[in-house]
Amino acid sequence: MEYKYYDQEKLYLLKSNLVKEYNKFKSQGLKLDMSRGKPGADQLAVSNGLLDAITSRDWDDDASNHSLEYRNYGLLTGIIECKEIFAKLLKVPTKNVIVCGNSSLNLMFDYITQCMLTGSGAAAWRDQGEIKFICPVPGYDRHFAICEYYGIKMISVDMTEKGPDMDAVEELIKDPKVKGMFCVPKYSNPTGVTYSPDTVERMAKMCPAAEDFRIIWDNAYIIHDLSEHGDKMESVFDVLKKYGHEDMVIEFTSTSKISFPGAGVAAIAASDKNIDMIVSRMSVQTIGYDKLNQFRHVKFYRDVKGIMNHMRLHRSILAPKFKAVVNEFNNQLGGLGIATWTNPKGGYFISLDVMEGTAKRVYELCRDAGVTLTTAGATFPYGVDPKDRNIRIAPSYPPVDELLSATKLLCLCVKLAACEKLLEKFE
């Protein structure tokens, strides 16, 4: 029976039992972490071959194509073999790919910095007064942090099962102060939603009032499926080309959750015009990125087929963890009317909506009993969830047994916080 139908006496009894159960958990001295989408030790282990992928033997022949170049300055846009792999993954021409360092977040921050200081086809954003960004919510806290760092006003737009609410987006872009939006198009963080073909089409044919409007297409989970039949997406640039809007999107991705976070390879895909602008800035910023790391990845994976085989190993580790969390939610919270959650086909997160007005309380209860969650409110601009209900769940890091313990405690805290909230009406 749903909690909302409980009378006062039944709620008090329920709360008493939940508190006893909660105190038992608290006495265990748990220290479990579900706060960020970090790969666990078992996932990191499948990439250990990268550490031996290149050796001194790779440089014995000084007449080879890579022997001198890859150990030296130059090749600003990356080594060709690595660019070709990313081009196939992103379904764009190789000439429209730049391969850089280890972090796509760094690349996004740099691109926004470029827009702020020198513009993206028009005057520098810093010289245009107040500027605004559209932010699908719940969304990725680090996107919001970039906007907040530069004082860019964020406007929330609800995520639907097909992607951002496009009616709202199409209305907002009529304002010339709206300069762009952040998107995670496949297995969106944290909902796991993949943008529908209709959503991508509507985005591609938009005609914003701002000529320098840019969509930051953060394709972080492009091949991060949790089943053999994951979601499919065509290249956004193929759709943009139909409307002559290729300049509107800058795409980013990386191997951060494919190889080693912090030691992977990140890439940018963009139109000819945008590539030229980015390279112009990069040529002042750096003489070149870590080509040995790029070559290491090429030697380890060899090609796209090798990467896809590697991702099957990741899936065999991740899928049981996601299944364990969702099953626990179904068993513990199903039918109570106090929570809903996503069951994504890929990515790194589950989005949990608890009873309105209780997310912060759930976070506090879990923290005090030894389970670290992503801070309540983090999935909204400025860290403020107006309904105080969304929590991002990251199942990847803990081993399955710890994950189950953490999820059981989380469900208990969701129940206790809901019970406390419902009792407020009797006070």
Foldseek 3Di string as FASTA:
>chain_A
DAPLPDDLVVLVVVLVVLVVVLVVLLVVQAAAEFADQAFAPLLQVLQPVLVVLDDPVVQPDVVDPCNPPLVDFAPAQADQLLLVQVCVLLVHDSVQKGKFFADLLVVVLVVLVCQQPDRLPDRRLVVVPAAAEEEEPLAALSVLVSCVVVVHHYDYFYADLQGTPLVVVLVVLQDQRYAEYEFQQALGPAARHHHDPVRLLSVLQRDGPHPNRAYEHEPAWSLFFLDPDADDDDNSCVSNVVNVNQQRYKYKYWCCSQHPNVLTMIMIGGDPSSVVVVVVVSVVVDSHHNRVSSVSVCSQQVHNVSSNVSSVSVSVQVNVLLVLLVVLCCVLPNPHPFKDWHSHRGDFKIKIFGHFPQLQQLQVSLVSSNYHFHHQQSSDNPSDDPRSTITIGGRRHDHNVSSNSSSVSSSSSSSSSVSVVSSVVVD
